[in-house]
Amino acid sequence: MARPGQQVIAGDRLSDRIGIGVLAKVFPLELVDRVISEAGVQEQRKRVLPTRVAVYFLLAMVPFFQSGHIEV
């Protein structure tokens, strides 16, 4: 999706234009941490992929449900 006056290039994908910052604005860190805590699923030890990051990854997958996880 191009903005007015912006050229669309073949292969241009929405996922190339949206970053994690958009999700962080819509779902602030404090909200994500509260939901994780209330669900009782916070990690018991340090992981390579912390629970918070996994939540943001899951949220990022929603608009791109037809894409593979690598592209997300």
PDB file of N, CA and C in Angstrom:
ATOM      1  N   MET A   1       0.843  -1.175   0.000  1.00  0.00           N
ATOM      2  CA  MET A   1       0.000   0.000   0.000  1.00  0.00           C
ATOM      3  C   MET A   1       0.890   1.240   0.000  1.00  0.00           C
ATOM      4  N   ALA A   2       0.740   2.003  -1.002  1.00  0.00           N
ATOM      5  CA  ALA A   2       1.549   3.206  -1.108  1.00  0.00           C
ATOM      6  C   ALA A   2       0.769   4.415  -0.617  1.00  0.00           C
ATOM      7  N   ARG A   3       1.497   5.367  -0.098  1.00  0.00           N
ATOM      8  CA  ARG A   3       0.890   6.631   0.294  1.00  0.00           C
ATOM      9  C   ARG A   3       0.703   7.474  -0.954  1.00  0.00           C
ATOM     10  N   PRO A   4      -0.186   8.483  -0.885  1.00  0.00           N
ATOM     11  CA  PRO A   4      -0.355   9.358  -2.049  1.00  0.00           C
ATOM     12  C   PRO A   4       0.993   9.944  -2.479  1.00  0.00           C
ATOM     13  N   GLY A   5       1.263   9.856  -3.751  1.00  0.00           N
ATOM     14  CA  GLY A   5       2.513  10.380  -4.293  1.00  0.00           C
ATOM     15  C   GLY A   5       3.692   9.439  -4.140  1.00  0.00           C
ATOM     16  N   GLN A   6       3.471   8.269  -3.580  1.00  0.00           N
ATOM     17  CA  GLN A   6       4.539   7.304  -3.374  1.00  0.00           C
ATOM     18  C   GLN A   6       4.416   6.185  -4.403  1.00  0.00           C
ATOM     19  N   GLN A   7       5.512   5.821  -4.990  1.00  0.00           N
ATOM     20  CA  GLN A   7       5.509   4.796  -6.030  1.00  0.00           C
ATOM     21  C   GLN A   7       5.466   3.408  -5.402  1.00  0.00           C
ATOM     22  N   VAL A   8       4.654   2.528  -5.976  1.00  0.00           N
ATOM     23  CA  VAL A   8       4.598   1.138  -5.535  1.00  0.00           C
ATOM     24  C   VAL A   8       5.582   0.343  -6.369  1.00  0.00           C
ATOM     25  N   ILE A   9       6.425  -0.397  -5.716  1.00  0.00           N
ATOM     26  CA  ILE A   9       7.443  -1.199  -6.389  1.00  0.00           C
ATOM     27  C   ILE A   9       7.001  -2.656  -6.360  1.00  0.00           C
ATOM     28  N   ALA A  10       7.208  -3.367  -7.445  1.00  0.00           N
ATOM     29  CA  ALA A  10       6.840  -4.784  -7.497  1.00  0.00           C
ATOM     30  C   ALA A  10       7.494  -5.517  -6.333  1.00  0.00           C
ATOM     31  N   GLY A  11       6.724  -6.321  -5.642  1.00  0.00           N
ATOM     32  CA  GLY A  11       7.243  -7.056  -4.494  1.00  0.00           C
ATOM     33  C   GLY A  11       7.180  -6.265  -3.199  1.00  0.00           C
ATOM     34  N   ASP A  12       6.678  -5.040  -3.267  1.00  0.00           N
ATOM     35  CA  ASP A  12       6.548  -4.210  -2.074  1.00  0.00           C
ATOM     36  C   ASP A  12       5.504  -4.842  -1.166  1.00  0.00           C
ATOM     37  N   ARG A  13       5.876  -5.134   0.080  1.00  0.00           N
ATOM     38  CA  ARG A  13       4.960  -5.807   1.003  1.00  0.00           C
ATOM     39  C   ARG A  13       4.689  -4.929   2.214  1.00  0.00           C
ATOM     40  N   LEU A  14       3.488  -5.065   2.753  1.00  0.00           N
ATOM     41  CA  LEU A  14       3.123  -4.341   3.959  1.00  0.00           C
ATOM     42  C   LEU A  14       4.079  -4.675   5.092  1.00  0.00           C
ATOM     43  N   SER A  15       4.496  -5.933   5.159  1.00  0.00           N
ATOM     44  CA  SER A  15       5.407  -6.356   6.229  1.00  0.00           C
ATOM     45  C   SER A  15       6.756  -5.658   6.149  1.00  0.00           C
ATOM     46  N   ASP A  16       7.115  -5.119   4.979  1.00  0.00           N
ATOM     47  CA  ASP A  16       8.354  -4.360   4.845  1.00  0.00           C
ATOM     48  C   ASP A  16       8.220  -2.951   5.419  1.00  0.00           C
ATOM     49  N   ARG A  17       6.984  -2.501   5.610  1.00  0.00           N
ATOM     50  CA  ARG A  17       6.739  -1.135   6.049  1.00  0.00           C
ATOM     51  C   ARG A  17       6.306  -1.014   7.508  1.00  0.00           C
ATOM     52  N   ILE A  18       5.899  -2.111   8.112  1.00  0.00           N
ATOM     53  CA  ILE A  18       5.419  -2.079   9.489  1.00  0.00           C
ATOM     54  C   ILE A  18       6.457  -2.732  10.384  1.00  0.00           C
ATOM     55  N   GLY A  19       6.807  -2.057  11.453  1.00  0.00           N
ATOM     56  CA  GLY A  19       7.788  -2.589  12.387  1.00  0.00           C
ATOM     57  C   GLY A  19       7.162  -2.900  13.744  1.00  0.00           C
ATOM     58  N   ILE A  20       7.973  -3.422  14.614  1.00  0.00           N
ATOM     59  CA  ILE A  20       7.524  -3.779  15.955  1.00  0.00           C
ATOM     60  C   ILE A  20       7.083  -2.544  16.726  1.00  0.00           C
ATOM     61  N   GLY A  21       7.571  -1.382  16.354  1.00  0.00           N
ATOM     62  CA  GLY A  21       7.193  -0.141  17.033  1.00  0.00           C
ATOM     63  C   GLY A  21       5.704   0.131  16.956  1.00  0.00           C
ATOM     64  N   VAL A  22       5.076  -0.243  15.845  1.00  0.00           N
ATOM     65  CA  VAL A  22       3.628  -0.053  15.693  1.00  0.00           C
ATOM     66  C   VAL A  22       2.898  -0.902  16.721  1.00  0.00           C
ATOM     67  N   LEU A  23       3.300  -2.144  16.868  1.00  0.00           N
ATOM     68  CA  LEU A  23       2.668  -3.017  17.857  1.00  0.00           C
ATOM     69  C   LEU A  23       2.910  -2.509  19.276  1.00  0.00           C
ATOM     70  N   ALA A  24       4.101  -1.998  19.536  1.00  0.00           N
ATOM     71  CA  ALA A  24       4.425  -1.497  20.873  1.00  0.00           C
ATOM     72  C   ALA A  24       3.595  -0.264  21.223  1.00  0.00           C
ATOM     73  N   LYS A  25       3.218   0.528  20.221  1.00  0.00           N
ATOM     74  CA  LYS A  25       2.366   1.692  20.489  1.00  0.00           C
ATOM     75  C   LYS A  25       0.936   1.259  20.786  1.00  0.00           C
ATOM     76  N   VAL A  26       0.443   0.276  20.056  1.00  0.00           N
ATOM     77  CA  VAL A  26      -0.925  -0.202  20.239  1.00  0.00           C
ATOM     78  C   VAL A  26      -1.033  -1.065  21.494  1.00  0.00           C
ATOM     79  N   PHE A  27      -0.028  -1.889  21.733  1.00  0.00           N
ATOM     80  CA  PHE A  27       0.001  -2.782  22.890  1.00  0.00           C
ATOM     81  C   PHE A  27       1.242  -2.448  23.718  1.00  0.00           C
ATOM     82  N   PRO A  28       1.133  -1.455  24.610  1.00  0.00           N
ATOM     83  CA  PRO A  28       2.308  -1.023  25.390  1.00  0.00           C
ATOM     84  C   PRO A  28       2.895  -2.162  26.225  1.00  0.00           C
ATOM     85  N   LEU A  29       4.166  -2.051  26.494  1.00  0.00           N
ATOM     86  CA  LEU A  29       4.907  -3.043  27.260  1.00  0.00           C
ATOM     87  C   LEU A  29       4.216  -3.371  28.582  1.00  0.00           C
ATOM     88  N   GLU A  30       3.727  -2.354  29.265  1.00  0.00           N
ATOM     89  CA  GLU A  30       3.073  -2.567  30.559  1.00  0.00           C
ATOM     90  C   GLU A  30       1.822  -3.440  30.404  1.00  0.00           C
ATOM     91  N   LEU A  31       1.063  -3.226  29.334  1.00  0.00           N
ATOM     92  CA  LEU A  31      -0.134  -4.019  29.076  1.00  0.00           C
ATOM     93  C   LEU A  31       0.233  -5.475  28.800  1.00  0.00           C
ATOM     94  N   VAL A  32       1.224  -5.677  27.949  1.00  0.00           N
ATOM     95  CA  VAL A  32       1.658  -7.043  27.613  1.00  0.00           C
ATOM     96  C   VAL A  32       2.141  -7.757  28.868  1.00  0.00           C
ATOM     97  N   ASP A  33       2.946  -7.067  29.694  1.00  0.00           N
ATOM     98  CA  ASP A  33       3.439  -7.681  30.927  1.00  0.00           C
ATOM     99  C   ASP A  33       2.303  -8.012  31.892  1.00  0.00           C
ATOM    100  N   ARG A  34       1.305  -7.133  31.979  1.00  0.00           N
ATOM    101  CA  ARG A  34       0.165  -7.382  32.869  1.00  0.00           C
ATOM    102  C   ARG A  34      -0.634  -8.598  32.402  1.00  0.00           C
ATOM    103  N   VAL A  35      -0.862  -8.703  31.095  1.00  0.00           N
ATOM    104  CA  VAL A  35      -1.614  -9.842  30.553  1.00  0.00           C
ATOM    105  C   VAL A  35      -0.845 -11.143  30.794  1.00  0.00           C
ATOM    106  N   ILE A  36       0.450 -11.119  30.591  1.00  0.00           N
ATOM    107  CA  ILE A  36       1.280 -12.308  30.832  1.00  0.00           C
ATOM    108  C   ILE A  36       1.187 -12.709  32.302  1.00  0.00           C
ATOM    109  N   SER A  37       1.284 -11.725  33.179  1.00  0.00           N
ATOM    110  CA  SER A  37       1.222 -11.993  34.614  1.00  0.00           C
ATOM    111  C   SER A  37      -0.148 -12.541  35.021  1.00  0.00           C
ATOM    112  N   GLU A  38      -1.215 -11.902  34.535  1.00  0.00           N
ATOM    113  CA  GLU A  38      -2.567 -12.345  34.889  1.00  0.00           C
ATOM    114  C   GLU A  38      -2.875 -13.742  34.344  1.00  0.00           C
ATOM    115  N   ALA A  39      -2.272 -14.075  33.207  1.00  0.00           N
ATOM    116  CA  ALA A  39      -2.470 -15.400  32.631  1.00  0.00           C
ATOM    117  C   ALA A  39      -1.609 -16.450  33.334  1.00  0.00           C
ATOM    118  N   GLY A  40      -0.648 -15.980  34.126  1.00  0.00           N
ATOM    119  CA  GLY A  40       0.227 -16.897  34.852  1.00  0.00           C
ATOM    120  C   GLY A  40       1.197 -17.646  33.972  1.00  0.00           C
ATOM    121  N   VAL A  41       1.628 -17.008  32.897  1.00  0.00           N
ATOM    122  CA  VAL A  41       2.512 -17.693  31.958  1.00  0.00           C
ATOM    123  C   VAL A  41       3.894 -17.045  31.841  1.00  0.00           C
ATOM    124  N   GLN A  42       4.276 -16.235  32.829  1.00  0.00           N
ATOM    125  CA  GLN A  42       5.609 -15.631  32.771  1.00  0.00           C
ATOM    126  C   GLN A  42       6.674 -16.720  32.887  1.00  0.00           C
ATOM    127  N   GLU A  43       7.810 -16.459  32.254  1.00  0.00           N
ATOM    128  CA  GLU A  43       8.843 -17.493  32.236  1.00  0.00           C
ATOM    129  C   GLU A  43       9.411 -17.711  33.639  1.00  0.00           C
ATOM    130  N   GLN A  44       9.790 -18.940  33.900  1.00  0.00           N
ATOM    131  CA  GLN A  44      10.368 -19.314  35.189  1.00  0.00           C
ATOM    132  C   GLN A  44      11.885 -19.154  35.172  1.00  0.00           C
ATOM    133  N   ARG A  45      12.458 -19.130  33.986  1.00  0.00           N
ATOM    134  CA  ARG A  45      13.910 -18.944  33.836  1.00  0.00           C
ATOM    135  C   ARG A  45      14.155 -18.148  32.561  1.00  0.00           C
ATOM    136  N   LYS A  46      15.367 -17.667  32.394  1.00  0.00           N
ATOM    137  CA  LYS A  46      15.721 -16.876  31.215  1.00  0.00           C
ATOM    138  C   LYS A  46      15.688 -17.759  29.975  1.00  0.00           C
ATOM    139  N   ARG A  47      15.034 -17.268  28.936  1.00  0.00           N
ATOM    140  CA  ARG A  47      14.916 -17.992  27.669  1.00  0.00           C
ATOM    141  C   ARG A  47      15.506 -17.147  26.555  1.00  0.00           C
ATOM    142  N   VAL A  48      15.812 -17.783  25.437  1.00  0.00           N
ATOM    143  CA  VAL A  48      16.286 -17.067  24.264  1.00  0.00           C
ATOM    144  C   VAL A  48      15.178 -16.155  23.739  1.00  0.00           C
ATOM    145  N   LEU A  49      13.931 -16.665  23.772  1.00  0.00           N
ATOM    146  CA  LEU A  49      12.779 -15.891  23.326  1.00  0.00           C
ATOM    147  C   LEU A  49      11.870 -15.656  24.535  1.00  0.00           C
ATOM    148  N   PRO A  50      12.018 -14.485  25.189  1.00  0.00           N
ATOM    149  CA  PRO A  50      11.190 -14.210  26.367  1.00  0.00           C
ATOM    150  C   PRO A  50       9.697 -14.188  26.011  1.00  0.00           C
ATOM    151  N   THR A  51       8.869 -14.427  27.001  1.00  0.00           N
ATOM    152  CA  THR A  51       7.427 -14.474  26.797  1.00  0.00           C
ATOM    153  C   THR A  51       6.919 -13.198  26.144  1.00  0.00           C
ATOM    154  N   ARG A  52       7.411 -12.060  26.590  1.00  0.00           N
ATOM    155  CA  ARG A  52       6.989 -10.769  26.035  1.00  0.00           C
ATOM    156  C   ARG A  52       7.240 -10.723  24.525  1.00  0.00           C
ATOM    157  N   VAL A  53       8.383 -11.183  24.097  1.00  0.00           N
ATOM    158  CA  VAL A  53       8.714 -11.179  22.663  1.00  0.00           C
ATOM    159  C   VAL A  53       7.807 -12.152  21.911  1.00  0.00           C
ATOM    160  N   ALA A  54       7.519 -13.285  22.531  1.00  0.00           N
ATOM    161  CA  ALA A  54       6.622 -14.265  21.905  1.00  0.00           C
ATOM    162  C   ALA A  54       5.225 -13.668  21.705  1.00  0.00           C
ATOM    163  N   VAL A  55       4.755 -12.864  22.664  1.00  0.00           N
ATOM    164  CA  VAL A  55       3.445 -12.220  22.526  1.00  0.00           C
ATOM    165  C   VAL A  55       3.459 -11.251  21.357  1.00  0.00           C
ATOM    166  N   TYR A  56       4.485 -10.419  21.261  1.00  0.00           N
ATOM    167  CA  TYR A  56       4.575  -9.476  20.137  1.00  0.00           C
ATOM    168  C   TYR A  56       4.679 -10.220  18.805  1.00  0.00           C
ATOM    169  N   PHE A  57       5.398 -11.339  18.781  1.00  0.00           N
ATOM    170  CA  PHE A  57       5.502 -12.139  17.556  1.00  0.00           C
ATOM    171  C   PHE A  57       4.129 -12.677  17.158  1.00  0.00           C
ATOM    172  N   LEU A  58       3.380 -13.178  18.136  1.00  0.00           N
ATOM    173  CA  LEU A  58       2.038 -13.681  17.870  1.00  0.00           C
ATOM    174  C   LEU A  58       1.150 -12.554  17.334  1.00  0.00           C
ATOM    175  N   LEU A  59       1.216 -11.385  17.948  1.00  0.00           N
ATOM    176  CA  LEU A  59       0.432 -10.242  17.476  1.00  0.00           C
ATOM    177  C   LEU A  59       0.834  -9.844  16.053  1.00  0.00           C
ATOM    178  N   ALA A  60       2.111  -9.941  15.740  1.00  0.00           N
ATOM    179  CA  ALA A  60       2.587  -9.604  14.394  1.00  0.00           C
ATOM    180  C   ALA A  60       2.089 -10.609  13.363  1.00  0.00           C
ATOM    181  N   MET A  61       1.845 -11.825  13.784  1.00  0.00           N
ATOM    182  CA  MET A  61       1.388 -12.854  12.858  1.00  0.00           C
ATOM    183  C   MET A  61      -0.070 -12.657  12.437  1.00  0.00           C
ATOM    184  N   VAL A  62      -0.863 -11.982  13.269  1.00  0.00           N
ATOM    185  CA  VAL A  62      -2.299 -11.846  12.992  1.00  0.00           C
ATOM    186  C   VAL A  62      -2.573 -11.193  11.631  1.00  0.00           C
ATOM    187  N   PRO A  63      -2.011 -10.014  11.334  1.00  0.00           N
ATOM    188  CA  PRO A  63      -2.339  -9.421  10.028  1.00  0.00           C
ATOM    189  C   PRO A  63      -1.706 -10.157   8.849  1.00  0.00           C
ATOM    190  N   PHE A  64      -0.748 -11.029   9.132  1.00  0.00           N
ATOM    191  CA  PHE A  64      -0.046 -11.744   8.065  1.00  0.00           C
ATOM    192  C   PHE A  64      -0.282 -13.249   8.175  1.00  0.00           C
ATOM    193  N   PHE A  65      -1.520 -13.633   8.499  1.00  0.00           N
ATOM    194  CA  PHE A  65      -1.829 -15.041   8.745  1.00  0.00           C
ATOM    195  C   PHE A  65      -1.549 -15.934   7.546  1.00  0.00           C
ATOM    196  N   GLN A  66      -1.500 -15.384   6.352  1.00  0.00           N
ATOM    197  CA  GLN A  66      -1.224 -16.203   5.169  1.00  0.00           C
ATOM    198  C   GLN A  66       0.269 -16.306   4.875  1.00  0.00           C
ATOM    199  N   SER A  67       1.067 -15.597   5.659  1.00  0.00           N
ATOM    200  CA  SER A  67       2.514 -15.626   5.468  1.00  0.00           C
ATOM    201  C   SER A  67       3.144 -16.624   6.437  1.00  0.00           C
ATOM    202  N   GLY A  68       4.322 -17.057   6.080  1.00  0.00           N
ATOM    203  CA  GLY A  68       5.054 -17.963   6.964  1.00  0.00           C
ATOM    204  C   GLY A  68       5.689 -17.199   8.105  1.00  0.00           C
ATOM    205  N   HIS A  69       6.065 -17.917   9.163  1.00  0.00           N
ATOM    206  CA  HIS A  69       6.643 -17.258  10.327  1.00  0.00           C
ATOM    207  C   HIS A  69       7.973 -16.593  10.017  1.00  0.00           C
ATOM    208  N   ILE A  70       8.699 -17.079   9.051  1.00  0.00           N
ATOM    209  CA  ILE A  70       9.976 -16.469   8.678  1.00  0.00           C
ATOM    210  C   ILE A  70       9.749 -15.051   8.142  1.00  0.00           C
ATOM    211  N   GLU A  71       8.726 -14.865   7.316  1.00  0.00           N
ATOM    212  CA  GLU A  71       8.455 -13.542   6.772  1.00  0.00           C
ATOM    213  C   GLU A  71       7.976 -12.580   7.856  1.00  0.00           C
ATOM    214  N   VAL A  72       7.185 -13.105   8.787  1.00  0.00           N
ATOM    215  CA  VAL A  72       6.695 -12.269   9.896  1.00  0.00           C
ATOM    216  C   VAL A  72       7.870 -11.810  10.710  1.00  0.00           C
TER     217      VAL A  72
END
